[in-house]
């Protein structure tokens, strides 16, 4: 225990050796700087004088890595006493518990998608589901590049959860339908995942009612929209008290 405390104190001194002043850019440390999102965030920061990439002294940690790296990222944030943005998808229930535990000590923003447009879409989906009710079937369809490893996408699950919340119920998902004699379950939310090419991310939430359909959609033209949204989220996190936040908190602010 004593060794762990000493290690945490050492990490804290390392991260905060140069405290930020109000006129200095927000320093971001990237957990996976060589990843697709890491490179995109670095490029977005290079275009904005309000931010700087600093791998040694962080005002905010940003993690778009892999589920296996999550615990180390959270430990670093807690040890240093700095907020962290978790953009990693494909996380399990154990990851949920770890994030909740870290959020007791530092500000943690968990975002399956850092696009401001998707954050707004999530709000619209919840409102539409609340108004339309269970008589309208809901299907979530998403398309991503051929290299994406998880399906449905974290964003699709986020949108499905928003729809379920609007209905006032738990998310009951129907995934990967296959076979014959299938019957759609009342109240279930269906998911369909397509993979191919270099698609940055397309999401459609379809509300299918008697004789009419409502489709709420978002199209990501390139990865930079997520990078710029991550910077907005990082700015939001600076100075925030410990707790668990989302992109809806960001757009609400």
Protein backbone atom coordinates (compact mmCIF):
# COMPACT_ATOMS: atom_id res chain seq x y z
CA UNK A 1 0.00 0.00 0.00
CA UNK A 2 2.79 2.41 0.95
CA UNK A 3 4.58 1.74 -2.33
CA UNK A 4 1.38 2.51 -4.29
CA UNK A 5 0.90 5.81 -2.43
CA UNK A 6 4.49 6.82 -3.15
CA UNK A 7 4.07 5.94 -6.83
CA UNK A 8 0.91 8.01 -7.04
CA UNK A 9 2.59 11.00 -5.43
CA UNK A 10 5.49 10.71 -7.85
CA UNK A 11 3.13 10.59 -10.84
CA UNK A 12 1.23 13.60 -9.49
CA UNK A 13 4.44 15.63 -9.28
CA UNK A 14 5.34 14.59 -12.83
CA UNK A 15 1.98 15.56 -14.34
CA UNK A 16 1.64 18.88 -12.51
CA UNK A 17 5.26 20.03 -12.40
CA UNK A 18 4.28 23.08 -14.45
CA UNK A 19 0.84 24.30 -13.39
CA UNK A 20 -1.22 25.96 -16.10
CA UNK A 21 -2.09 29.64 -15.90
CA UNK A 22 -5.20 31.20 -17.40
CA UNK A 23 -3.37 32.60 -20.42
CA UNK A 24 -1.70 29.31 -21.34
CA UNK A 25 -3.14 26.72 -23.73
CA UNK A 26 -4.85 23.64 -22.34
CA UNK A 27 -2.29 20.84 -22.25
CA UNK A 28 -3.55 17.50 -23.53
CA UNK A 29 -1.78 14.19 -23.04
CA UNK A 30 -2.81 11.51 -25.50
CA UNK A 31 -2.89 7.94 -24.24
CA UNK A 32 -2.50 6.57 -27.79
CA UNK A 33 -0.79 9.35 -29.78
CA UNK A 34 -0.04 7.10 -32.76
CA UNK A 35 -3.62 5.88 -33.16
CA UNK A 36 -6.06 7.25 -35.73
CA UNK A 37 -7.82 9.48 -33.22
CA UNK A 38 -4.59 10.43 -31.47
CA UNK A 39 -3.15 11.77 -34.72
CA UNK A 40 -6.41 13.54 -35.57
CA UNK A 41 -6.58 15.25 -32.17
CA UNK A 42 -2.94 16.33 -32.46
CA UNK A 43 -3.69 17.83 -35.89
CA UNK A 44 -6.77 19.65 -34.54
CA UNK A 45 -4.78 20.99 -31.57
CA UNK A 46 -2.06 22.25 -33.92
CA UNK A 47 -4.70 24.43 -35.61
CA UNK A 48 -6.03 25.87 -32.34
CA UNK A 49 -3.79 28.08 -30.16
CA UNK A 50 -5.99 27.31 -27.14
CA UNK A 51 -4.59 23.77 -26.98
CA UNK A 52 -1.20 22.09 -26.90
CA UNK A 53 -0.16 18.45 -26.92
CA UNK A 54 2.07 17.76 -23.92
CA UNK A 55 2.74 14.13 -23.13
CA UNK A 56 4.46 14.92 -19.81
CA UNK A 57 2.34 17.62 -18.17
CA UNK A 58 -1.41 17.22 -18.63
CA UNK A 59 -4.36 19.42 -17.85
CA UNK A 60 -6.55 16.72 -19.43
CA UNK A 61 -5.83 13.11 -20.41
CA UNK A 62 -7.46 11.84 -23.60
CA UNK A 63 -7.82 8.10 -24.16
CA UNK A 64 -8.88 6.74 -27.55
CA UNK A 65 -6.92 3.51 -27.24
CA UNK A 66 -8.10 -0.03 -26.50
CA UNK A 67 -10.22 -1.58 -23.74
CA UNK A 68 -7.16 -3.35 -22.34
CA UNK A 69 -5.47 0.03 -21.68
CA UNK A 70 -8.39 1.52 -19.76
CA UNK A 71 -7.27 0.67 -16.22
CA UNK A 72 -3.80 2.13 -16.75
CA UNK A 73 -5.33 5.31 -18.17
CA UNK A 74 -7.68 5.70 -15.22
CA UNK A 75 -4.89 5.00 -12.74
CA UNK A 76 -2.79 7.72 -14.34
CA UNK A 77 -5.65 10.23 -14.16
CA UNK A 78 -6.42 9.46 -10.52
CA UNK A 79 -2.75 9.47 -9.53
CA UNK A 80 -2.15 12.83 -11.19
CA UNK A 81 -5.47 14.32 -10.10
CA UNK A 82 -6.37 15.39 -13.65
CA UNK A 83 -9.61 14.86 -15.62
CA UNK A 84 -9.80 12.28 -18.36
CA UNK A 85 -11.80 11.88 -21.56
CA UNK A 86 -12.53 8.23 -22.39
CA UNK A 87 -13.37 7.79 -26.07
CA UNK A 88 -12.61 4.07 -26.23
CA UNK A 89 -15.53 1.89 -27.35
CA UNK A 90 -16.20 -1.82 -26.95
CA UNK A 91 -16.01 -1.60 -23.15
CA UNK A 92 -17.65 -4.21 -20.90
CA UNK A 93 -19.39 -4.10 -17.52
CA UNK A 94 -16.08 -4.32 -15.66
CA UNK A 95 -14.95 -1.21 -17.54
CA UNK A 96 -18.16 0.51 -16.46
CA UNK A 97 -17.31 -0.26 -12.84
CA UNK A 98 -13.74 0.99 -13.22
CA UNK A 99 -14.89 4.23 -14.80
CA UNK A 100 -17.45 4.77 -12.04
CA UNK A 101 -14.77 4.19 -9.40
CA UNK A 102 -12.37 6.69 -11.02
CA UNK A 103 -15.16 9.26 -11.31
CA UNK A 104 -15.28 9.41 -7.50
CA UNK A 105 -11.79 10.95 -7.55
CA UNK A 106 -11.54 12.92 -10.81
CA UNK A 107 -13.76 14.24 -13.59
CA UNK A 108 -14.32 11.53 -16.20
CA UNK A 109 -16.08 12.22 -19.48
CA UNK A 110 -17.12 9.05 -21.26
CA UNK A 111 -18.03 9.51 -24.90
CA UNK A 112 -18.70 6.78 -27.44
CA UNK A 113 -18.65 9.60 -29.98
CA UNK A 114 -17.21 13.10 -29.48
CA UNK A 115 -19.04 14.70 -32.41
CA UNK A 116 -21.18 17.63 -31.28
CA UNK A 117 -23.69 16.65 -33.96
CA UNK A 118 -24.03 13.14 -32.52
CA UNK A 119 -24.46 14.61 -29.03
CA UNK A 120 -27.38 16.66 -30.34
CA UNK A 121 -28.74 13.65 -32.25
CA UNK A 122 -28.74 11.64 -29.02
CA UNK A 123 -30.94 14.27 -27.39
CA UNK A 124 -33.31 14.32 -30.38
CA UNK A 125 -33.60 10.52 -30.38
CA UNK A 126 -34.56 10.46 -26.72
CA UNK A 127 -37.19 13.15 -27.26
CA UNK A 128 -38.63 11.42 -30.33
CA UNK A 129 -38.90 8.08 -28.52
CA UNK A 130 -40.67 9.75 -25.61
CA UNK A 131 -43.23 11.37 -27.90
CA UNK A 132 -43.83 8.45 -30.27
CA UNK A 133 -44.01 5.72 -27.64
CA UNK A 134 -43.78 1.92 -27.97
CA UNK A 135 -46.18 1.65 -30.92
CA UNK A 136 -43.35 2.85 -33.17
CA UNK A 137 -40.61 0.32 -33.86
CA UNK A 138 -37.02 1.59 -33.61
CA UNK A 139 -34.09 0.42 -35.72
CA UNK A 140 -30.52 1.72 -35.49
CA UNK A 141 -28.33 1.22 -38.56
CA UNK A 142 -24.64 2.13 -38.70
CA UNK A 143 -21.86 1.93 -41.28
CA UNK A 144 -18.12 2.16 -40.57
CA UNK A 145 -14.78 1.50 -42.24
CA UNK A 146 -13.59 -2.06 -42.73
CA UNK A 147 -11.09 -1.87 -39.85
CA UNK A 148 -13.61 -1.16 -37.07
CA UNK A 149 -13.40 -3.99 -34.57
CA UNK A 150 -16.64 -3.69 -32.56
CA UNK A 151 -20.25 -4.00 -33.67
CA UNK A 152 -22.70 -2.49 -33.09
CA UNK A 153 -20.69 0.71 -32.80
CA UNK A 154 -20.50 2.48 -29.47
CA UNK A 155 -22.45 5.34 -31.02
CA UNK A 156 -25.23 3.00 -32.18
CA UNK A 157 -25.55 1.59 -28.66
CA UNK A 158 -25.54 5.13 -27.27
CA UNK A 159 -28.41 6.07 -29.58
CA UNK A 160 -30.29 2.90 -28.71
CA UNK A 161 -29.89 3.62 -25.00
CA UNK A 162 -31.18 7.15 -25.58
CA UNK A 163 -34.26 5.76 -27.33
CA UNK A 164 -34.89 3.31 -24.49
CA UNK A 165 -34.51 6.11 -21.95
CA UNK A 166 -37.05 8.17 -23.86
CA UNK A 167 -39.48 5.27 -23.58
CA UNK A 168 -38.71 4.92 -19.88
CA UNK A 169 -37.44 1.37 -20.23
CA UNK A 170 -34.25 -0.64 -20.27
CA UNK A 171 -32.54 -1.24 -23.61
CA UNK A 172 -33.78 -4.51 -25.14
CA UNK A 173 -31.63 -5.05 -28.22
CA UNK A 174 -32.23 -7.27 -31.24
CA UNK A 175 -28.91 -7.86 -33.01
CA UNK A 176 -27.78 -9.73 -36.09
CA UNK A 177 -31.12 -11.24 -37.12
CA UNK A 178 -30.62 -14.44 -39.05
CA UNK A 179 -32.89 -17.29 -40.04
CA UNK A 180 -36.56 -17.81 -40.82
CA UNK A 181 -39.80 -17.46 -38.91
CA UNK A 182 -38.47 -14.44 -37.07
CA UNK A 183 -40.88 -12.14 -35.27
CA UNK A 184 -40.00 -8.70 -34.05
CA UNK A 185 -40.48 -8.26 -30.31
CA UNK A 186 -42.64 -5.32 -29.24
CA UNK A 187 -40.50 -2.64 -27.63
CA UNK A 188 -37.19 -4.10 -28.82
CA UNK A 189 -34.66 -1.88 -30.57
CA UNK A 190 -32.94 -3.41 -33.58
CA UNK A 191 -29.31 -2.90 -34.60
CA UNK A 192 -27.71 -3.40 -37.99
CA UNK A 193 -23.97 -2.97 -38.67
CA UNK A 194 -22.32 -2.55 -42.06
CA UNK A 195 -18.55 -2.52 -42.60
CA UNK A 196 -16.50 -1.51 -45.60
CA UNK A 197 -14.25 1.02 -47.26
CA UNK A 198 -13.13 4.08 -45.36
CA UNK A 199 -16.46 5.29 -43.97
CA UNK A 200 -15.81 7.49 -40.93
CA UNK A 201 -19.26 6.81 -39.47
CA UNK A 202 -22.90 6.89 -40.61
CA UNK A 203 -25.78 6.46 -38.16
CA UNK A 204 -29.53 6.31 -38.81
CA UNK A 205 -32.20 5.94 -36.15
CA UNK A 206 -35.46 4.88 -37.77
CA UNK A 207 -38.82 5.25 -36.05
CA UNK A 208 -41.23 3.03 -37.96
CA UNK A 209 -44.89 3.68 -37.27
CA UNK A 210 -48.24 2.95 -38.90
CA UNK A 211 -48.04 4.34 -42.44
CA UNK A 212 -45.14 6.71 -41.71
CA UNK A 213 -41.45 6.77 -40.82
CA UNK A 214 -39.20 9.24 -39.07
CA UNK A 215 -35.45 8.94 -39.69
CA UNK A 216 -32.88 10.86 -37.67
CA UNK A 217 -29.42 10.68 -39.22
CA UNK A 218 -25.84 11.76 -38.81
CA UNK A 219 -23.00 11.54 -41.35
CA UNK A 220 -19.37 11.90 -40.38
CA UNK A 221 -17.43 13.25 -43.36
CA UNK A 222 -14.03 12.63 -41.74
CA UNK A 223 -12.39 11.90 -38.40
CA UNK A 224 -11.63 15.56 -37.71
CA UNK A 225 -15.17 16.20 -36.45
CA UNK A 226 -14.47 13.78 -33.60
CA UNK A 227 -11.09 15.38 -32.93
CA UNK A 228 -12.53 18.90 -32.74
CA UNK A 229 -15.33 17.64 -30.50
CA UNK A 230 -12.74 16.02 -28.25
CA UNK A 231 -11.04 19.40 -27.83
CA UNK A 232 -14.35 20.99 -26.88
CA UNK A 233 -14.86 18.20 -24.34
CA UNK A 234 -11.35 18.70 -22.98
CA UNK A 235 -12.03 22.40 -22.46
CA UNK A 236 -15.25 21.48 -20.65
CA UNK A 237 -13.37 19.15 -18.28
CA UNK A 238 -10.81 21.68 -17.08
CA UNK A 239 -11.70 22.67 -13.52
CA UNK A 240 -14.67 20.29 -13.26
CA UNK A 241 -15.21 18.47 -9.94
CA UNK A 242 -15.01 14.69 -9.74
CA UNK A 243 -17.90 12.96 -11.42
CA UNK A 244 -19.04 11.16 -14.54
CA UNK A 245 -19.89 13.38 -17.51
CA UNK A 246 -21.07 12.90 -21.11
CA UNK A 247 -21.11 14.85 -24.35
CA UNK A 248 -24.65 15.90 -23.53
CA UNK A 249 -23.19 17.76 -20.54
CA UNK A 250 -20.79 19.42 -22.97
CA UNK A 251 -23.45 20.70 -25.35
CA UNK A 252 -25.64 21.63 -22.39
CA UNK A 253 -22.87 23.89 -21.15
